[in-house]
């Protein structure tokens, strides 16, 4: 299955002495399905719903400088 989309991301990095701390977040926007996979409805709107594609990641990094 071929996917077409856009990856948006950003983050922060902080240096403290020989240590590094970072936080990064990414969001994947899928163009092919454009956020909606399926939709269903019943006679009453109480049980209606949809399945959507929303992919994101959050990363925490810790590093140590050797030199």
C-alpha atoms as a PDB file:
ATOM      1  CA  UNK A   1       0.000   0.000   0.000  1.00  0.00           C
ATOM      2  CA  UNK A   2       1.536   3.290  -1.131  1.00  0.00           C
ATOM      3  CA  UNK A   3       1.098   6.239   1.230  1.00  0.00           C
ATOM      4  CA  UNK A   4       1.342   9.888   0.316  1.00  0.00           C
ATOM      5  CA  UNK A   5       1.475  12.544   2.981  1.00  0.00           C
ATOM      6  CA  UNK A   6       3.303  15.256   4.796  1.00  0.00           C
ATOM      7  CA  UNK A   7       5.407  14.948   7.954  1.00  0.00           C
ATOM      8  CA  UNK A   8       5.407  18.048  10.147  1.00  0.00           C
ATOM      9  CA  UNK A   9       7.639  18.241  13.187  1.00  0.00           C
ATOM     10  CA  UNK A  10       9.647  20.345  15.508  1.00  0.00           C
ATOM     11  CA  UNK A  11      11.501  20.205  18.760  1.00  0.00           C
ATOM     12  CA  UNK A  12      13.688  21.744  21.406  1.00  0.00           C
ATOM     13  CA  UNK A  13      17.201  20.837  22.547  1.00  0.00           C
ATOM     14  CA  UNK A  14      18.852  22.022  25.733  1.00  0.00           C
ATOM     15  CA  UNK A  15      22.578  21.670  26.501  1.00  0.00           C
ATOM     16  CA  UNK A  16      23.551  21.433  30.151  1.00  0.00           C
ATOM     17  CA  UNK A  17      27.267  20.898  30.754  1.00  0.00           C
ATOM     18  CA  UNK A  18      28.019  17.547  29.030  1.00  0.00           C
ATOM     19  CA  UNK A  19      24.363  16.469  28.906  1.00  0.00           C
ATOM     20  CA  UNK A  20      21.763  17.168  26.237  1.00  0.00           C
ATOM     21  CA  UNK A  21      18.006  16.991  26.726  1.00  0.00           C
ATOM     22  CA  UNK A  22      15.498  17.196  23.917  1.00  0.00           C
ATOM     23  CA  UNK A  23      11.805  17.002  23.120  1.00  0.00           C
ATOM     24  CA  UNK A  24      10.451  16.485  19.594  1.00  0.00           C
ATOM     25  CA  UNK A  25       6.926  16.139  18.218  1.00  0.00           C
ATOM     26  CA  UNK A  26       5.880  14.961  14.734  1.00  0.00           C
ATOM     27  CA  UNK A  27       2.498  14.821  12.995  1.00  0.00           C
ATOM     28  CA  UNK A  28       1.808  12.781   9.840  1.00  0.00           C
ATOM     29  CA  UNK A  29      -0.889  14.154   7.526  1.00  0.00           C
ATOM     30  CA  UNK A  30      -2.093  11.436   5.140  1.00  0.00           C
ATOM     31  CA  UNK A  31      -3.193  12.885   1.763  1.00  0.00           C
ATOM     32  CA  UNK A  32      -4.620   9.691   0.281  1.00  0.00           C
ATOM     33  CA  UNK A  33      -7.290   9.052   2.884  1.00  0.00           C
ATOM     34  CA  UNK A  34      -7.323  12.669   4.091  1.00  0.00           C
ATOM     35  CA  UNK A  35      -8.063  11.754   7.687  1.00  0.00           C
ATOM     36  CA  UNK A  36     -11.192   9.661   7.190  1.00  0.00           C
ATOM     37  CA  UNK A  37     -11.172   5.864   6.728  1.00  0.00           C
ATOM     38  CA  UNK A  38     -14.767   4.848   7.375  1.00  0.00           C
ATOM     39  CA  UNK A  39     -18.088   6.281   8.415  1.00  0.00           C
ATOM     40  CA  UNK A  40     -21.220   4.565   9.611  1.00  0.00           C
ATOM     41  CA  UNK A  41     -24.696   5.622  10.657  1.00  0.00           C
ATOM     42  CA  UNK A  42     -27.641   3.960  12.365  1.00  0.00           C
ATOM     43  CA  UNK A  43     -31.293   4.966  12.462  1.00  0.00           C
ATOM     44  CA  UNK A  44     -30.591   7.238  15.411  1.00  0.00           C
ATOM     45  CA  UNK A  45     -27.536   9.501  15.440  1.00  0.00           C
ATOM     46  CA  UNK A  46     -26.613   8.160  18.889  1.00  0.00           C
ATOM     47  CA  UNK A  47     -24.658   5.277  17.374  1.00  0.00           C
ATOM     48  CA  UNK A  48     -23.180   7.053  14.360  1.00  0.00           C
ATOM     49  CA  UNK A  49     -19.423   7.459  14.132  1.00  0.00           C
ATOM     50  CA  UNK A  50     -16.301   7.481  12.013  1.00  0.00           C
ATOM     51  CA  UNK A  51     -12.763   6.111  12.000  1.00  0.00           C
ATOM     52  CA  UNK A  52     -10.016   8.582  11.147  1.00  0.00           C
ATOM     53  CA  UNK A  53      -6.248   8.556  10.655  1.00  0.00           C
ATOM     54  CA  UNK A  54      -4.364  10.780  13.070  1.00  0.00           C
ATOM     55  CA  UNK A  55      -0.744   9.809  13.596  1.00  0.00           C
ATOM     56  CA  UNK A  56       1.625  11.705  15.869  1.00  0.00           C
ATOM     57  CA  UNK A  57       4.733  10.960  17.893  1.00  0.00           C
ATOM     58  CA  UNK A  58       6.385  12.606  20.869  1.00  0.00           C
ATOM     59  CA  UNK A  59      10.041  11.788  21.607  1.00  0.00           C
ATOM     60  CA  UNK A  60      12.141  12.593  24.649  1.00  0.00           C
ATOM     61  CA  UNK A  61      15.910  12.372  24.150  1.00  0.00           C
ATOM     62  CA  UNK A  62      18.793  12.332  26.618  1.00  0.00           C
ATOM     63  CA  UNK A  63      22.432  12.457  25.498  1.00  0.00           C
ATOM     64  CA  UNK A  64      25.934  12.654  26.917  1.00  0.00           C
ATOM     65  CA  UNK A  65      28.898  14.291  25.151  1.00  0.00           C
ATOM     66  CA  UNK A  66      32.013  12.085  25.124  1.00  0.00           C
ATOM     67  CA  UNK A  67      34.475  14.800  24.100  1.00  0.00           C
END
